[in-house]
N, C-alpha and C. Protein backbone atom coordinates (compact mmCIF):
# COMPACT_ATOMS: atom_id res chain seq x y z
N UNK A 1 -74.37 155.71 160.25
CA UNK A 1 -73.43 155.00 159.41
C UNK A 1 -72.06 155.04 160.10
N UNK A 2 -71.38 153.92 160.15
CA UNK A 2 -70.08 153.90 160.81
C UNK A 2 -68.99 154.30 159.83
N UNK A 3 -67.84 154.60 160.37
CA UNK A 3 -66.73 155.17 159.61
C UNK A 3 -66.38 154.37 158.36
N UNK A 4 -66.14 153.07 158.49
CA UNK A 4 -65.73 152.26 157.34
C UNK A 4 -66.82 152.21 156.26
N UNK A 5 -68.07 152.17 156.68
CA UNK A 5 -69.17 152.19 155.71
C UNK A 5 -69.21 153.53 154.98
N UNK A 6 -68.94 154.59 155.71
CA UNK A 6 -68.90 155.92 155.09
C UNK A 6 -67.80 155.99 154.04
N UNK A 7 -66.62 155.48 154.38
CA UNK A 7 -65.53 155.48 153.41
C UNK A 7 -65.87 154.66 152.18
N UNK A 8 -66.49 153.53 152.40
CA UNK A 8 -66.89 152.67 151.29
C UNK A 8 -67.84 153.42 150.36
N UNK A 9 -68.81 154.11 150.93
CA UNK A 9 -69.76 154.89 150.14
C UNK A 9 -69.05 156.01 149.38
N UNK A 10 -68.16 156.70 150.04
CA UNK A 10 -67.44 157.81 149.40
C UNK A 10 -66.66 157.32 148.19
N UNK A 11 -65.93 156.24 148.34
CA UNK A 11 -65.12 155.74 147.22
C UNK A 11 -65.99 155.12 146.12
N UNK A 12 -67.14 154.59 146.47
CA UNK A 12 -68.08 154.09 145.47
C UNK A 12 -68.61 155.27 144.65
N UNK A 13 -68.96 156.36 145.32
CA UNK A 13 -69.43 157.55 144.62
C UNK A 13 -68.34 158.12 143.72
N UNK A 14 -67.11 158.04 144.17
CA UNK A 14 -65.99 158.51 143.34
C UNK A 14 -65.88 157.66 142.07
N UNK A 15 -65.99 156.34 142.22
CA UNK A 15 -65.93 155.45 141.06
C UNK A 15 -67.04 155.76 140.06
N UNK A 16 -68.21 156.15 140.57
CA UNK A 16 -69.36 156.46 139.73
C UNK A 16 -69.30 157.90 139.19
N UNK A 17 -68.21 158.59 139.48
CA UNK A 17 -68.02 159.99 139.06
C UNK A 17 -69.08 160.91 139.66
N UNK A 18 -69.56 160.57 140.85
CA UNK A 18 -70.54 161.40 141.54
C UNK A 18 -69.90 162.19 142.69
N UNK A 19 -68.60 161.97 142.90
CA UNK A 19 -67.88 162.68 143.95
C UNK A 19 -66.41 162.76 143.57
N UNK A 20 -65.76 163.79 144.05
CA UNK A 20 -64.31 163.91 143.91
C UNK A 20 -63.74 163.82 145.32
N UNK A 21 -62.86 162.89 145.51
CA UNK A 21 -62.27 162.67 146.83
C UNK A 21 -60.85 163.24 146.85
N UNK A 22 -60.63 164.14 147.78
CA UNK A 22 -59.28 164.66 148.00
C UNK A 22 -58.83 164.08 149.34
N UNK A 23 -57.94 163.14 149.25
CA UNK A 23 -57.47 162.43 150.44
C UNK A 23 -55.96 162.20 150.30
N UNK A 24 -55.27 161.99 151.39
CA UNK A 24 -53.83 161.76 151.29
C UNK A 24 -53.52 160.60 150.34
N UNK A 25 -52.54 160.84 149.48
CA UNK A 25 -52.16 159.82 148.49
C UNK A 25 -51.29 158.73 149.09
N UNK A 26 -50.81 158.96 150.28
CA UNK A 26 -50.06 157.91 150.96
C UNK A 26 -50.39 157.98 152.45
N UNK A 27 -50.18 156.86 153.11
CA UNK A 27 -50.49 156.78 154.53
C UNK A 27 -49.40 157.51 155.32
N UNK A 28 -49.87 158.32 156.24
CA UNK A 28 -48.94 159.06 157.10
C UNK A 28 -49.14 158.57 158.53
N UNK A 29 -48.06 158.32 159.20
CA UNK A 29 -48.13 157.89 160.60
C UNK A 29 -48.22 159.15 161.46
N UNK A 30 -49.45 159.61 161.69
CA UNK A 30 -49.66 160.86 162.40
C UNK A 30 -50.82 160.68 163.39
N UNK A 31 -50.68 161.25 164.55
CA UNK A 31 -51.71 161.16 165.57
C UNK A 31 -52.71 162.30 165.44
N UNK A 32 -53.88 162.12 166.04
CA UNK A 32 -54.91 163.15 166.01
C UNK A 32 -54.45 164.44 166.68
N UNK A 33 -53.62 164.31 167.68
CA UNK A 33 -53.12 165.49 168.39
C UNK A 33 -51.60 165.58 168.23
N UNK A 34 -51.16 165.46 166.99
CA UNK A 34 -49.73 165.46 166.67
C UNK A 34 -49.09 166.79 167.09
N UNK A 35 -47.91 166.69 167.68
CA UNK A 35 -47.18 167.89 168.10
C UNK A 35 -45.88 168.07 167.34
N UNK A 36 -45.49 167.04 166.59
CA UNK A 36 -44.25 167.12 165.82
C UNK A 36 -44.47 168.06 164.63
N UNK A 37 -43.80 169.21 164.66
CA UNK A 37 -44.02 170.23 163.63
C UNK A 37 -43.66 169.73 162.24
N UNK A 38 -42.59 168.94 162.13
CA UNK A 38 -42.18 168.45 160.81
C UNK A 38 -43.23 167.50 160.23
N UNK A 39 -43.78 166.63 161.06
CA UNK A 39 -44.84 165.73 160.58
C UNK A 39 -46.05 166.53 160.12
N UNK A 40 -46.40 167.57 160.88
CA UNK A 40 -47.54 168.41 160.50
C UNK A 40 -47.28 169.14 159.19
N UNK A 41 -46.07 169.64 159.03
CA UNK A 41 -45.73 170.30 157.76
C UNK A 41 -45.75 169.31 156.60
N UNK A 42 -45.25 168.11 156.84
CA UNK A 42 -45.23 167.08 155.80
C UNK A 42 -46.65 166.71 155.36
N UNK A 43 -47.57 166.53 156.31
CA UNK A 43 -48.94 166.16 155.95
C UNK A 43 -49.64 167.33 155.27
N UNK A 44 -49.33 168.56 155.69
CA UNK A 44 -49.89 169.74 155.04
C UNK A 44 -49.43 169.80 153.58
N UNK A 45 -48.13 169.61 153.36
CA UNK A 45 -47.58 169.66 152.01
C UNK A 45 -48.17 168.55 151.14
N UNK A 46 -48.31 167.36 151.69
CA UNK A 46 -48.92 166.26 150.94
C UNK A 46 -50.36 166.61 150.56
N UNK A 47 -51.10 167.16 151.51
CA UNK A 47 -52.47 167.55 151.22
C UNK A 47 -52.55 168.61 150.14
N UNK A 48 -51.66 169.57 150.20
CA UNK A 48 -51.62 170.63 149.18
C UNK A 48 -51.33 170.04 147.81
N UNK A 49 -50.33 169.17 147.73
CA UNK A 49 -49.98 168.53 146.45
C UNK A 49 -51.12 167.66 145.94
N UNK A 50 -51.77 166.92 146.83
CA UNK A 50 -52.88 166.06 146.41
C UNK A 50 -54.04 166.89 145.88
N UNK A 51 -54.31 168.01 146.54
CA UNK A 51 -55.39 168.90 146.08
C UNK A 51 -55.02 169.51 144.73
N UNK A 52 -53.79 169.93 144.56
CA UNK A 52 -53.35 170.48 143.28
C UNK A 52 -53.51 169.46 142.15
N UNK A 53 -53.21 168.21 142.44
CA UNK A 53 -53.33 167.16 141.44
C UNK A 53 -54.78 166.93 141.02
N UNK A 54 -55.74 167.27 141.88
CA UNK A 54 -57.17 167.07 141.58
C UNK A 54 -57.80 168.26 140.84
N UNK A 55 -57.08 169.36 140.73
CA UNK A 55 -57.66 170.56 140.11
C UNK A 55 -58.20 170.30 138.71
N UNK A 56 -57.48 169.62 137.82
CA UNK A 56 -58.05 169.37 136.49
C UNK A 56 -59.38 168.61 136.55
N UNK A 57 -59.48 167.64 137.43
CA UNK A 57 -60.72 166.87 137.58
C UNK A 57 -61.84 167.77 138.11
N UNK A 58 -61.53 168.61 139.07
CA UNK A 58 -62.52 169.52 139.63
C UNK A 58 -63.00 170.51 138.56
N UNK A 59 -62.06 171.06 137.81
CA UNK A 59 -62.44 172.02 136.76
C UNK A 59 -63.28 171.35 135.68
N UNK A 60 -62.99 170.10 135.37
CA UNK A 60 -63.79 169.37 134.38
C UNK A 60 -65.23 169.22 134.85
N UNK A 61 -65.41 168.90 136.12
CA UNK A 61 -66.76 168.76 136.67
C UNK A 61 -67.48 170.10 136.66
N UNK A 62 -66.79 171.15 137.04
CA UNK A 62 -67.40 172.48 137.05
C UNK A 62 -67.81 172.87 135.63
N UNK A 63 -66.95 172.58 134.68
CA UNK A 63 -67.24 172.89 133.28
C UNK A 63 -68.46 172.11 132.79
N UNK A 64 -68.54 170.85 133.13
CA UNK A 64 -69.71 170.03 132.74
C UNK A 64 -70.96 170.58 133.36
N UNK A 65 -70.89 171.00 134.62
CA UNK A 65 -72.04 171.53 135.32
C UNK A 65 -72.52 172.82 134.65
N UNK A 66 -71.62 173.67 134.23
CA UNK A 66 -71.99 174.90 133.54
C UNK A 66 -72.68 174.58 132.21
N UNK A 67 -72.16 173.58 131.50
CA UNK A 67 -72.75 173.18 130.22
C UNK A 67 -74.16 172.65 130.39
N UNK A 68 -74.39 171.92 131.46
CA UNK A 68 -75.72 171.35 131.73
C UNK A 68 -76.72 172.46 132.05
N UNK A 69 -76.29 173.48 132.77
CA UNK A 69 -77.19 174.55 133.18
C UNK A 69 -77.52 175.52 132.06
N UNK A 70 -76.77 175.50 130.96
CA UNK A 70 -77.02 176.43 129.84
C UNK A 70 -78.26 176.08 129.09
């Protein structure tokens, strides 16, 4: 499966509530081998904030999973 098809599948699964996607909430102009420390810190902080924003959704899924297994 090629990259764009994989992304399409991932976001389709997210729409179906079969996956939780933690991805940057905005596009960052960053290279694969970025050396600019500030850009790296900025993308790290964005990732941290995006993950924090998904915690309620993640906990809801975990809670549902526990209820199903009871």
